[in-house]
């Protein structure tokens, strides 16, 4: 009885091969799952970074637009009104005649 027969050796070999296949399949599936999770995490981080950059860009654009709306029209409008008022005073004082007043008014209004 020392050594197993041919059928015993084949059975032992099949068990060993089956076990090795099962173990390697399990390892491979865990590695694939881990790689999938890492890839999803990287994609999530990239998406969050893009969303944050987009939000910052939108906020900056909104601030710039708000600043331009608040500062730009008011001084130009006040300056134009002040020039027209001064022009009206000069005409009332008799310094300017109708033609000069009309020409200066057109120039101020950009006509």
N, C-alpha and C. Protein backbone atom coordinates (compact mmCIF):
# COMPACT_ATOMS: atom_id res chain seq x y z
N UNK A 1 0.79 -1.19 0.00
CA UNK A 1 0.00 0.00 0.00
C UNK A 1 0.84 1.25 0.00
N UNK A 2 1.82 1.46 -0.39
CA UNK A 2 2.63 2.64 -0.27
C UNK A 2 2.18 3.82 -1.11
N UNK A 3 2.11 3.65 -2.33
CA UNK A 3 1.79 4.78 -3.20
C UNK A 3 0.37 4.63 -3.74
N UNK A 4 -0.31 5.80 -3.95
CA UNK A 4 -1.66 5.70 -4.46
C UNK A 4 -1.65 5.26 -5.92
N UNK A 5 -2.73 4.75 -6.34
CA UNK A 5 -2.83 4.29 -7.71
C UNK A 5 -3.07 5.46 -8.67
N UNK A 6 -3.24 5.12 -9.91
CA UNK A 6 -3.41 6.11 -10.96
C UNK A 6 -4.66 6.95 -10.73
N UNK A 7 -5.76 6.33 -10.35
CA UNK A 7 -7.00 7.07 -10.13
C UNK A 7 -6.86 7.99 -8.92
N UNK A 8 -6.20 7.57 -7.89
CA UNK A 8 -5.99 8.42 -6.71
C UNK A 8 -5.13 9.62 -7.03
N UNK A 9 -4.11 9.43 -7.83
CA UNK A 9 -3.24 10.54 -8.23
C UNK A 9 -4.01 11.52 -9.09
N UNK A 10 -4.82 11.02 -10.01
CA UNK A 10 -5.61 11.91 -10.86
C UNK A 10 -6.63 12.68 -10.03
N UNK A 11 -7.23 12.05 -9.06
CA UNK A 11 -8.21 12.72 -8.20
C UNK A 11 -7.54 13.81 -7.38
N UNK A 12 -6.39 13.49 -6.84
CA UNK A 12 -5.66 14.48 -6.05
C UNK A 12 -5.26 15.66 -6.92
N UNK A 13 -4.80 15.41 -8.12
CA UNK A 13 -4.41 16.47 -9.05
C UNK A 13 -5.62 17.33 -9.41
N UNK A 14 -6.77 16.71 -9.63
CA UNK A 14 -7.97 17.47 -9.96
C UNK A 14 -8.40 18.36 -8.80
N UNK A 15 -8.32 17.86 -7.60
CA UNK A 15 -8.69 18.66 -6.42
C UNK A 15 -7.75 19.84 -6.28
N UNK A 16 -6.47 19.60 -6.45
CA UNK A 16 -5.48 20.69 -6.33
C UNK A 16 -5.71 21.73 -7.42
N UNK A 17 -5.93 21.27 -8.65
CA UNK A 17 -6.16 22.20 -9.76
C UNK A 17 -7.44 22.99 -9.56
N UNK A 18 -8.49 22.32 -9.10
CA UNK A 18 -9.76 23.01 -8.85
C UNK A 18 -9.63 24.05 -7.76
N UNK A 19 -8.91 23.70 -6.71
CA UNK A 19 -8.70 24.64 -5.62
C UNK A 19 -7.89 25.85 -6.10
N UNK A 20 -6.85 25.59 -6.88
CA UNK A 20 -6.03 26.69 -7.39
C UNK A 20 -6.85 27.60 -8.30
N UNK A 21 -7.70 27.03 -9.12
CA UNK A 21 -8.54 27.83 -10.01
C UNK A 21 -9.51 28.68 -9.20
N UNK A 22 -10.11 28.08 -8.19
CA UNK A 22 -11.07 28.82 -7.37
C UNK A 22 -10.38 29.96 -6.63
N UNK A 23 -9.21 29.70 -6.09
CA UNK A 23 -8.48 30.74 -5.35
C UNK A 23 -8.05 31.86 -6.29
N UNK A 24 -7.51 31.50 -7.45
CA UNK A 24 -7.06 32.55 -8.37
C UNK A 24 -8.24 33.35 -8.90
N UNK A 25 -9.39 32.69 -9.11
CA UNK A 25 -10.58 33.41 -9.55
C UNK A 25 -11.06 34.39 -8.48
N UNK A 26 -11.03 33.96 -7.23
CA UNK A 26 -11.44 34.85 -6.14
C UNK A 26 -10.50 36.05 -6.01
N UNK A 27 -9.21 35.80 -6.12
CA UNK A 27 -8.23 36.89 -6.03
C UNK A 27 -8.44 37.86 -7.18
N UNK A 28 -8.63 37.33 -8.38
CA UNK A 28 -8.82 38.19 -9.55
C UNK A 28 -10.08 39.04 -9.40
N UNK A 29 -11.17 38.45 -8.93
CA UNK A 29 -12.41 39.23 -8.79
C UNK A 29 -12.27 40.31 -7.72
N UNK A 30 -11.55 40.02 -6.62
CA UNK A 30 -11.31 41.06 -5.60
C UNK A 30 -10.44 42.18 -6.14
N UNK A 31 -9.43 41.82 -6.94
CA UNK A 31 -8.57 42.84 -7.52
C UNK A 31 -9.36 43.72 -8.50
N UNK A 32 -10.22 43.09 -9.29
CA UNK A 32 -11.03 43.86 -10.23
C UNK A 32 -12.00 44.78 -9.49
N UNK A 33 -12.59 44.30 -8.41
CA UNK A 33 -13.51 45.12 -7.63
C UNK A 33 -12.77 46.30 -7.00
N UNK A 34 -11.57 46.04 -6.52
CA UNK A 34 -10.77 47.12 -5.92
C UNK A 34 -10.38 48.16 -6.97
N UNK A 35 -9.97 47.70 -8.14
CA UNK A 35 -9.61 48.62 -9.22
C UNK A 35 -10.82 49.44 -9.66
N UNK A 36 -11.99 48.79 -9.71
CA UNK A 36 -13.23 49.49 -10.09
C UNK A 36 -13.55 50.58 -9.08
N UNK A 37 -13.42 50.28 -7.80
CA UNK A 37 -13.71 51.26 -6.76
C UNK A 37 -12.74 52.43 -6.84
N UNK A 38 -11.47 52.15 -7.08
CA UNK A 38 -10.48 53.23 -7.20
C UNK A 38 -10.79 54.11 -8.40
N UNK A 39 -11.17 53.50 -9.50
CA UNK A 39 -11.49 54.27 -10.70
C UNK A 39 -12.72 55.14 -10.47
N UNK A 40 -13.74 54.59 -9.82
CA UNK A 40 -14.94 55.37 -9.52
C UNK A 40 -14.63 56.52 -8.57
N UNK A 41 -13.76 56.27 -7.59
CA UNK A 41 -13.37 57.34 -6.66
C UNK A 41 -12.63 58.46 -7.39
N UNK A 42 -11.75 58.09 -8.32
CA UNK A 42 -11.02 59.11 -9.08
C UNK A 42 -11.97 59.91 -9.96
N UNK A 43 -12.92 59.24 -10.59
CA UNK A 43 -13.89 59.94 -11.42
C UNK A 43 -14.74 60.88 -10.58
N UNK A 44 -15.11 60.46 -9.39
CA UNK A 44 -15.90 61.29 -8.49
C UNK A 44 -15.11 62.54 -8.09
N UNK A 45 -13.84 62.35 -7.77
CA UNK A 45 -13.00 63.49 -7.39
C UNK A 45 -12.85 64.47 -8.55
N UNK A 46 -12.65 63.94 -9.75
CA UNK A 46 -12.52 64.80 -10.92
C UNK A 46 -13.81 65.57 -11.17
N UNK A 47 -14.94 64.90 -11.03
CA UNK A 47 -16.23 65.56 -11.24
C UNK A 47 -16.45 66.65 -10.20
N UNK A 48 -16.08 66.36 -8.95
CA UNK A 48 -16.24 67.37 -7.90
C UNK A 48 -15.33 68.57 -8.15
N UNK A 49 -14.11 68.30 -8.62
CA UNK A 49 -13.19 69.39 -8.92
C UNK A 49 -13.73 70.24 -10.07
N UNK A 50 -14.28 69.60 -11.09
CA UNK A 50 -14.85 70.34 -12.21
C UNK A 50 -16.06 71.15 -11.77
N UNK A 51 -16.89 70.55 -10.93
CA UNK A 51 -18.07 71.27 -10.43
C UNK A 51 -17.65 72.48 -9.60
N UNK A 52 -16.63 72.29 -8.76
CA UNK A 52 -16.15 73.40 -7.94
C UNK A 52 -15.58 74.53 -8.81
N UNK A 53 -14.80 74.15 -9.82
CA UNK A 53 -14.22 75.16 -10.72
C UNK A 53 -15.31 75.90 -11.48
N UNK A 54 -16.32 75.17 -11.93
CA UNK A 54 -17.43 75.79 -12.64
C UNK A 54 -18.19 76.76 -11.73
N UNK A 55 -18.42 76.34 -10.49
CA UNK A 55 -19.13 77.19 -9.53
C UNK A 55 -18.33 78.46 -9.23
N UNK A 56 -17.01 78.31 -9.09
CA UNK A 56 -16.16 79.48 -8.84
C UNK A 56 -16.19 80.43 -10.03
N UNK A 57 -16.15 79.87 -11.23
CA UNK A 57 -16.21 80.70 -12.42
C UNK A 57 -17.53 81.45 -12.53
N UNK A 58 -18.62 80.76 -12.22
CA UNK A 58 -19.93 81.40 -12.25
C UNK A 58 -20.02 82.51 -11.21
N UNK A 59 -19.50 82.24 -10.02
CA UNK A 59 -19.55 83.25 -8.96
C UNK A 59 -18.72 84.47 -9.34
N UNK A 60 -17.55 84.23 -9.91
CA UNK A 60 -16.69 85.35 -10.32
C UNK A 60 -17.37 86.16 -11.42
N UNK A 61 -17.98 85.47 -12.36
CA UNK A 61 -18.67 86.18 -13.45
C UNK A 61 -19.85 86.99 -12.92
N UNK A 62 -20.57 86.42 -11.97
CA UNK A 62 -21.70 87.14 -11.38
C UNK A 62 -21.22 88.38 -10.61
N UNK A 63 -20.13 88.23 -9.87
CA UNK A 63 -19.59 89.37 -9.13
C UNK A 63 -19.11 90.46 -10.09
N UNK A 64 -18.45 90.06 -11.16
CA UNK A 64 -17.96 91.03 -12.13
C UNK A 64 -19.12 91.77 -12.79
N UNK A 65 -20.15 91.01 -13.16
CA UNK A 65 -21.31 91.63 -13.79
C UNK A 65 -22.01 92.59 -12.83
N UNK A 66 -22.14 92.17 -11.57
CA UNK A 66 -22.80 93.02 -10.58
C UNK A 66 -21.98 94.29 -10.34
N UNK A 67 -20.67 94.15 -10.30
CA UNK A 67 -19.81 95.32 -10.08
C UNK A 67 -19.91 96.29 -11.26
N UNK A 68 -19.95 95.75 -12.47
CA UNK A 68 -20.05 96.61 -13.64
C UNK A 68 -21.40 97.31 -13.69
N UNK A 69 -22.46 96.62 -13.30
CA UNK A 69 -23.78 97.24 -13.31
C UNK A 69 -23.88 98.35 -12.26
N UNK A 70 -23.24 98.14 -11.14
CA UNK A 70 -23.34 99.13 -10.06
C UNK A 70 -22.48 100.36 -10.33
N UNK A 71 -21.30 100.18 -10.88
CA UNK A 71 -20.38 101.30 -11.01
C UNK A 71 -20.44 102.01 -12.36
N UNK A 72 -20.62 101.31 -13.44
CA UNK A 72 -20.49 101.92 -14.76
C UNK A 72 -21.60 102.90 -15.11
N UNK A 73 -22.87 102.56 -15.05
CA UNK A 73 -23.88 103.48 -15.53
C UNK A 73 -24.04 104.74 -14.70
N UNK A 74 -23.93 104.66 -13.41
CA UNK A 74 -24.21 105.81 -12.55
C UNK A 74 -23.28 107.00 -12.82
N UNK A 75 -21.95 106.84 -12.83
CA UNK A 75 -21.10 108.00 -13.06
C UNK A 75 -21.27 108.60 -14.46
N UNK A 76 -21.44 107.76 -15.46
CA UNK A 76 -21.60 108.29 -16.81
C UNK A 76 -22.89 109.09 -16.92
N UNK A 77 -23.95 108.58 -16.31
CA UNK A 77 -25.23 109.26 -16.34
C UNK A 77 -25.17 110.57 -15.54
N UNK A 78 -24.55 110.51 -14.37
CA UNK A 78 -24.41 111.73 -13.56
C UNK A 78 -23.54 112.76 -14.27
N UNK A 79 -22.47 112.31 -14.90
CA UNK A 79 -21.57 113.21 -15.61
C UNK A 79 -22.30 113.87 -16.78
N UNK A 80 -23.09 113.11 -17.50
CA UNK A 80 -23.84 113.65 -18.64
C UNK A 80 -24.86 114.67 -18.16
N UNK A 81 -25.56 114.32 -17.11
CA UNK A 81 -26.55 115.26 -16.57
C UNK A 81 -25.89 116.55 -16.07
N UNK A 82 -24.74 116.41 -15.43
CA UNK A 82 -24.03 117.60 -14.94
C UNK A 82 -23.59 118.49 -16.09
N UNK A 83 -23.11 117.87 -17.17
CA UNK A 83 -22.67 118.66 -18.33
C UNK A 83 -23.86 119.36 -18.99
N UNK A 84 -24.99 118.65 -19.09
CA UNK A 84 -26.17 119.27 -19.69
C UNK A 84 -26.69 120.42 -18.82
N UNK A 85 -26.64 120.24 -17.50
CA UNK A 85 -27.09 121.31 -16.60
C UNK A 85 -26.19 122.54 -16.75
N UNK A 86 -24.89 122.31 -16.82
CA UNK A 86 -23.96 123.43 -16.97
C UNK A 86 -24.19 124.12 -18.31
N UNK A 87 -24.45 123.31 -19.36
CA UNK A 87 -24.72 123.87 -20.68
C UNK A 87 -25.99 124.73 -20.65
N UNK A 88 -27.03 124.24 -19.94
CA UNK A 88 -28.27 125.00 -19.82
C UNK A 88 -28.05 126.32 -19.09
N UNK A 89 -27.21 126.30 -18.07
CA UNK A 89 -26.89 127.54 -17.34
C UNK A 89 -26.17 128.54 -18.24
N UNK A 90 -25.23 128.03 -19.07
CA UNK A 90 -24.51 128.93 -19.97
C UNK A 90 -25.45 129.57 -21.00
N UNK A 91 -26.42 128.77 -21.47
CA UNK A 91 -27.38 129.31 -22.43
C UNK A 91 -28.28 130.34 -21.76
N UNK A 92 -28.72 130.03 -20.52
CA UNK A 92 -29.59 130.95 -19.79
C UNK A 92 -28.86 132.26 -19.48
N UNK A 93 -27.56 132.17 -19.24
CA UNK A 93 -26.79 133.36 -18.94
C UNK A 93 -26.50 134.17 -20.20
N UNK A 94 -26.78 133.59 -21.37
CA UNK A 94 -26.57 134.31 -22.61
C UNK A 94 -25.18 134.11 -23.18
N UNK A 95 -24.40 133.21 -22.62
CA UNK A 95 -23.05 132.96 -23.13
C UNK A 95 -23.11 132.17 -24.43
N UNK A 96 -24.08 131.27 -24.55
CA UNK A 96 -24.23 130.45 -25.76
C UNK A 96 -25.52 130.82 -26.48
N UNK A 97 -25.47 130.83 -27.82
CA UNK A 97 -26.71 131.03 -28.57
C UNK A 97 -27.32 129.65 -28.88
N UNK A 98 -28.45 129.62 -29.58
CA UNK A 98 -29.17 128.37 -29.83
C UNK A 98 -28.33 127.37 -30.64
N UNK A 99 -27.61 127.82 -31.64
CA UNK A 99 -26.81 126.93 -32.48
C UNK A 99 -25.67 126.30 -31.68
N UNK A 100 -24.98 127.12 -30.88
CA UNK A 100 -23.89 126.59 -30.06
C UNK A 100 -24.42 125.62 -29.01
N UNK A 101 -25.57 125.94 -28.42
CA UNK A 101 -26.16 125.08 -27.42
C UNK A 101 -26.53 123.73 -28.03
N UNK A 102 -27.14 123.75 -29.21
CA UNK A 102 -27.55 122.51 -29.88
C UNK A 102 -26.34 121.66 -30.25
N UNK A 103 -25.27 122.30 -30.73
CA UNK A 103 -24.05 121.57 -31.11
C UNK A 103 -23.40 120.94 -29.89
N UNK A 104 -23.29 121.69 -28.80
CA UNK A 104 -22.66 121.17 -27.58
C UNK A 104 -23.52 120.05 -26.97
N UNK A 105 -24.84 120.20 -27.02
CA UNK A 105 -25.74 119.18 -26.50
C UNK A 105 -25.61 117.88 -27.31
N UNK A 106 -25.54 117.99 -28.62
CA UNK A 106 -25.36 116.81 -29.46
C UNK A 106 -24.04 116.11 -29.18
N UNK A 107 -23.01 116.91 -28.94
CA UNK A 107 -21.70 116.34 -28.65
C UNK A 107 -21.72 115.56 -27.33
N UNK A 108 -22.37 116.13 -26.31
CA UNK A 108 -22.45 115.49 -25.00
C UNK A 108 -23.26 114.19 -25.08
N UNK A 109 -24.36 114.24 -25.82
CA UNK A 109 -25.23 113.07 -25.94
C UNK A 109 -24.71 112.04 -26.94
N UNK A 110 -23.68 112.39 -27.67
CA UNK A 110 -23.09 111.45 -28.64
C UNK A 110 -23.92 111.30 -29.90
N UNK A 111 -24.66 112.32 -30.27
CA UNK A 111 -25.51 112.26 -31.46
C UNK A 111 -24.80 112.76 -32.69
